[in-house]
Structure formats: structure tokens, C-alpha cells
Amino acid sequence: FPVTITGVNTKSSPSFNRQFLNELVFLMKIMFPKFLSKQTSLLLMHTGTLVCRTFLSIYVAKLEGLLVKNIVRKDFNLFARNLLQWLLIAVPAVSCNSLIKYLESKLDIELKSQLVNRSLSLYFRDRIYYRIALKQNENVQIDQNLTEDIEKLTHLLVHLYSQLTKPILDISLITVTLISLAKQNNFNYLFPTAIAFIVIFCTGFPARLS
């Protein structure tokens, strides 16, 4: 790892800059050594499960709309049929949520193993640990870097990927679905879509300033 033990500026706060991106790319190459690897397969499976969960959310939303529509029309037969569909879709929906959490944990373990193995291989090469033990101080603890910091890093990366991917998929697919429904009913969809994007942008803009 390109880590300097002496002369570490502990007062500098982390920031999103070019150095951060270079270090992130360097770590990603270690966590995903090959395109066709176990880590990449888990990532693709995790992404596919997130996509399936999004389509299930859209389908459940359609069923809930039909249930309300049947209640208003007082159509008991269609209401019972749609309610049965809603109950049946709950089983794969719950399983999909559990699978997302499982794949997230599994991917976290695999990425953590890659970083730990690489770190230990460098740590024990040419008795580097002796030189590190002599140079490290109370502000830089290599033992903590090899254990707790790697664990926090991989956990945050995988969790951040899930938290970013699912809302983006939800917003994109739901927007496309609403636009298609608006076209079928000859409604104007450009103005509401523009308002939605403005609201999302204005909601996230203060967060970027803070």
C-alpha cells in the first residue's frame, strides 16, 4: 500500500479529490483482481437482485393501485383476485430482501479477504513489520489499519453501493413507468417530470453544501 508512516498529517480532514480517487482505484484493483472473479460474480448477482427488487416494488405498487380501484368500484371478485396476487408476491419480495442482505454480507467478506491478504503479504515481506514497529507512533497504528480500518472500509463501500444503486434504479424505472402510463392516457408528462427532477435536485443541493 502507498502508505507513509512518518510525517502523517493527522489534522487534515478527508476530502473528495483526485488523490482520493487514485487511492480508491488502487484499492478496487486489489479487491477485484480479475474481471471474471468471485468478487465480480457476487457484485453482479447483488446488482441483479437489486434490479429484481425494483421490479417487484413496481409490481406491488400496481397491485395496490388496483386494490384501491376495486374498492372504489365495489368489485369484490377483482379485489379478492388482486389481494391474492398481492399476498403471493409477498413471498418472493421478502426472499429478495433477505438475498440482498446475504449477498451484501458475502461481498463484504470477499473484499475484506482480498485486502487483508494483500496487506499481510506486504506487511511480512522482508521483515517490514520490524521497521514499522520502530517508526509508528500513537497516531499511526498499523495493527488497527490491518484489522478495523479494512473492515470499516469494505463494509462502507458495499453498503454505499447498495444505498446508491437501489434508489437510482427505483427512480429511473418508476419514472419510465409513469411516463409510459401518461402516454397511454394522453397526459402531459414533460412538465411533471421536470418538476420532479427540480425537486430532487433542490433536495440534494443543500446536502452537498453542508
Protein backbone atom coordinates (compact mmCIF):
# COMPACT_ATOMS: atom_id res chain seq x y z
CA PHE A 1 0.00 0.00 0.00
CA PRO A 2 1.24 3.50 -0.71
CA VAL A 3 1.20 4.49 2.97
CA THR A 4 3.75 6.77 4.60
CA ILE A 5 4.23 6.21 8.31
CA THR A 6 6.37 9.19 9.16
CA GLY A 7 5.17 12.72 8.66
CA VAL A 8 1.47 11.89 8.63
CA ASN A 9 -0.76 14.93 8.84
CA THR A 10 -3.45 13.73 11.24
CA LYS A 11 -5.22 17.10 11.34
CA SER A 12 -6.15 17.16 7.67
CA SER A 13 -9.75 16.22 7.03
CA PRO A 14 -10.61 13.76 4.25
CA SER A 15 -11.92 15.26 1.04
CA PHE A 16 -13.18 14.09 -2.34
CA ASN A 17 -10.31 14.95 -4.64
CA ARG A 18 -8.01 13.40 -7.20
CA GLN A 19 -5.85 11.72 -4.56
CA PHE A 20 -8.92 10.07 -3.05
CA LEU A 21 -9.99 8.75 -6.46
CA ASN A 22 -6.49 7.41 -7.20
CA GLU A 23 -6.38 5.59 -3.87
CA LEU A 24 -9.87 4.23 -4.39
CA VAL A 25 -8.95 2.92 -7.85
CA PHE A 26 -5.81 1.34 -6.37
CA LEU A 27 -7.88 -0.45 -3.71
CA MET A 28 -10.54 -1.51 -6.22
CA LYS A 29 -7.88 -3.24 -8.32
CA ILE A 30 -6.92 -5.26 -5.26
CA MET A 31 -10.50 -6.09 -4.27
CA PHE A 32 -11.42 -7.04 -7.86
CA PRO A 33 -8.22 -8.64 -9.22
CA LYS A 34 -9.88 -10.00 -12.38
CA PHE A 35 -13.00 -9.24 -14.36
CA LEU A 36 -14.09 -12.86 -14.14
CA SER A 37 -13.57 -13.42 -10.43
CA LYS A 38 -15.62 -14.48 -7.45
CA GLN A 39 -15.87 -10.89 -6.26
CA THR A 40 -17.17 -9.68 -9.62
CA SER A 41 -19.69 -12.51 -9.76
CA LEU A 42 -21.03 -11.58 -6.32
CA LEU A 43 -21.25 -7.94 -7.37
CA LEU A 44 -23.22 -8.84 -10.50
CA MET A 45 -25.53 -11.12 -8.51
CA HIS A 46 -26.04 -8.38 -5.96
CA THR A 47 -26.85 -5.87 -8.70
CA GLY A 48 -29.25 -8.29 -10.39
CA THR A 49 -31.06 -8.84 -7.10
CA LEU A 50 -31.41 -5.09 -6.64
CA VAL A 51 -32.93 -4.84 -10.13
CA CYS A 52 -35.38 -7.66 -9.35
CA ARG A 53 -36.33 -5.93 -6.11
CA THR A 54 -37.08 -2.74 -8.02
CA PHE A 55 -39.36 -4.54 -10.50
CA LEU A 56 -41.12 -6.22 -7.58
CA SER A 57 -41.66 -2.82 -5.96
CA ILE A 58 -43.26 -1.51 -9.17
CA TYR A 59 -45.47 -4.59 -9.46
CA VAL A 60 -46.59 -4.29 -5.82
CA ALA A 61 -47.37 -0.60 -6.38
CA LYS A 62 -49.55 -1.53 -9.38
CA LEU A 63 -51.39 -4.15 -7.33
CA GLU A 64 -52.03 -1.66 -4.53
CA GLY A 65 -53.44 0.78 -7.05
CA LEU A 66 -55.74 -1.94 -8.44
CA LEU A 67 -56.88 -2.83 -4.92
CA VAL A 68 -57.88 0.76 -4.23
CA LYS A 69 -59.59 0.94 -7.64
CA ASN A 70 -61.58 -2.23 -6.92
CA ILE A 71 -62.64 -0.89 -3.52
CA VAL A 72 -63.94 2.29 -5.13
CA ARG A 73 -65.81 0.30 -7.78
CA LYS A 74 -67.05 -2.21 -5.16
CA ASP A 75 -65.86 -5.10 -7.33
CA PHE A 76 -65.37 -7.88 -4.79
CA ASN A 77 -64.23 -10.56 -7.28
CA LEU A 78 -61.39 -8.48 -8.75
CA PHE A 79 -60.49 -7.24 -5.29
CA ALA A 80 -60.16 -10.80 -3.97
CA ARG A 81 -58.11 -11.83 -7.02
CA ASN A 82 -55.71 -8.87 -6.74
CA LEU A 83 -55.44 -9.35 -2.99
CA LEU A 84 -54.43 -12.97 -3.54
CA GLN A 85 -51.79 -11.83 -6.04
CA TRP A 86 -50.56 -9.27 -3.51
CA LEU A 87 -50.22 -11.95 -0.84
CA LEU A 88 -48.43 -14.35 -3.18
CA ILE A 89 -45.93 -11.71 -4.35
CA ALA A 90 -45.00 -11.04 -0.72
CA VAL A 91 -43.09 -14.35 -0.57
CA PRO A 92 -40.57 -13.58 -3.36
CA ALA A 93 -40.38 -9.95 -2.17
CA VAL A 94 -39.30 -10.98 1.33
CA SER A 95 -36.90 -13.57 -0.10
CA CYS A 96 -35.41 -10.93 -2.38
CA ASN A 97 -34.78 -8.59 0.56
CA SER A 98 -33.06 -11.36 2.51
CA LEU A 99 -30.98 -12.29 -0.54
CA ILE A 100 -29.84 -8.68 -0.92
CA LYS A 101 -28.59 -8.61 2.67
CA TYR A 102 -26.92 -12.01 2.27
CA LEU A 103 -25.09 -11.05 -0.94
CA GLU A 104 -24.07 -7.74 0.62
CA SER A 105 -22.51 -9.55 3.58
CA LYS A 106 -20.90 -12.15 1.32
CA LEU A 107 -19.39 -9.47 -0.92
CA ASP A 108 -18.15 -7.60 2.14
CA ILE A 109 -16.30 -10.72 3.35
CA GLU A 110 -14.73 -11.39 -0.04
CA LEU A 111 -13.48 -7.82 -0.48
CA LYS A 112 -12.19 -7.78 3.07
CA SER A 113 -10.29 -11.04 2.45
CA GLN A 114 -8.62 -9.60 -0.64
CA LEU A 115 -7.41 -6.51 1.19
CA VAL A 116 -6.28 -8.42 4.28
CA ASN A 117 -4.34 -10.98 2.26
CA ARG A 118 -2.61 -8.27 0.24
CA SER A 119 -1.84 -6.23 3.35
CA LEU A 120 -0.38 -9.17 5.24
CA SER A 121 1.73 -10.21 2.26
CA LEU A 122 3.30 -6.74 2.20
CA TYR A 123 3.49 -6.49 5.99
CA PHE A 124 5.55 -9.66 6.38
CA ARG A 125 7.75 -9.15 3.31
CA ASP A 126 11.44 -8.60 4.04
CA ARG A 127 10.73 -8.08 7.75
CA ILE A 128 8.95 -4.81 7.11
CA TYR A 129 6.99 -5.23 10.33
CA TYR A 130 10.20 -4.60 12.31
CA ARG A 131 10.76 -1.25 10.62
CA ILE A 132 7.10 -0.35 11.02
CA ALA A 133 7.22 -1.18 14.74
CA LEU A 134 10.16 1.19 15.19
CA LYS A 135 8.66 4.09 13.22
CA GLN A 136 4.99 4.05 14.14
CA ASN A 137 3.67 6.34 16.86
CA GLU A 138 0.46 6.72 18.82
CA ASN A 139 -1.25 8.48 15.92
CA VAL A 140 -0.48 5.72 13.38
CA GLN A 141 -1.32 2.16 14.41
CA ILE A 142 -0.64 -0.36 11.64
CA ASP A 143 -2.37 -3.15 13.56
CA GLN A 144 -5.57 -1.13 13.53
CA ASN A 145 -5.13 -0.37 9.82
CA LEU A 146 -4.85 -4.09 9.05
CA THR A 147 -7.97 -5.04 11.04
CA GLU A 148 -10.55 -2.43 11.97
CA ASP A 149 -9.89 0.05 9.16
CA ILE A 150 -10.12 -2.56 6.41
CA GLU A 151 -13.30 -3.94 7.92
CA LYS A 152 -14.89 -0.48 8.05
CA LEU A 153 -13.73 0.31 4.52
CA THR A 154 -15.23 -2.76 2.84
CA HIS A 155 -18.44 -2.54 4.87
CA LEU A 156 -18.97 1.10 3.94
CA LEU A 157 -18.15 0.51 0.27
CA VAL A 158 -20.62 -2.35 -0.12
CA HIS A 159 -23.29 -0.57 1.91
CA LEU A 160 -22.79 2.64 -0.07
CA TYR A 161 -23.13 0.73 -3.34
CA SER A 162 -26.46 -0.74 -2.21
CA GLN A 163 -27.73 2.58 -0.90
CA LEU A 164 -26.88 4.37 -4.16
CA THR A 165 -27.83 1.70 -6.70
CA LYS A 166 -31.30 0.86 -5.43
CA PRO A 167 -32.66 4.46 -5.28
CA ILE A 168 -31.22 5.22 -8.72
CA LEU A 169 -32.88 2.09 -10.15
CA ASP A 170 -36.15 2.88 -8.35
CA ILE A 171 -36.27 6.45 -9.60
CA SER A 172 -35.31 5.50 -13.16
CA LEU A 173 -37.74 2.60 -13.60
CA ILE A 174 -40.62 4.27 -11.79
CA THR A 175 -40.13 7.41 -13.90
CA VAL A 176 -40.17 5.35 -17.11
CA THR A 177 -43.29 3.50 -15.93
CA LEU A 178 -45.13 6.72 -15.06
CA ILE A 179 -44.18 8.28 -18.39
CA SER A 180 -45.46 5.23 -20.28
CA LEU A 181 -48.74 5.35 -18.33
CA ALA A 182 -49.07 9.06 -19.05
CA LYS A 183 -48.55 8.43 -22.78
CA GLN A 184 -51.21 5.72 -22.79
CA ASN A 185 -53.73 8.10 -21.22
CA ASN A 186 -52.66 11.08 -23.39
CA PHE A 187 -51.45 13.10 -20.40
CA ASN A 188 -48.70 15.71 -20.47
CA TYR A 189 -45.68 14.13 -18.78
CA LEU A 190 -42.94 16.65 -19.60
CA PHE A 191 -43.98 19.29 -17.06
CA PRO A 192 -44.45 16.88 -14.09
CA THR A 193 -41.17 15.12 -14.95
CA ALA A 194 -39.32 18.45 -15.00
CA ILE A 195 -40.83 19.39 -11.63
CA ALA A 196 -39.77 16.04 -10.16
CA PHE A 197 -36.16 16.47 -11.31
CA ILE A 198 -36.10 20.04 -9.93
CA VAL A 199 -37.40 18.85 -6.56
CA ILE A 200 -34.81 16.04 -6.39
CA PHE A 201 -32.00 18.44 -7.34
CA CYS A 202 -33.08 21.09 -4.83
CA THR A 203 -33.43 18.45 -2.10
CA GLY A 204 -29.89 17.17 -2.64
CA PHE A 205 -28.27 20.56 -3.20
CA PRO A 206 -28.20 21.64 0.49
CA ALA A 207 -26.69 18.26 1.41
CA ARG A 208 -23.79 18.87 -0.98
CA LEU A 209 -23.19 22.30 0.52
CA SER A 210 -23.08 21.04 4.11
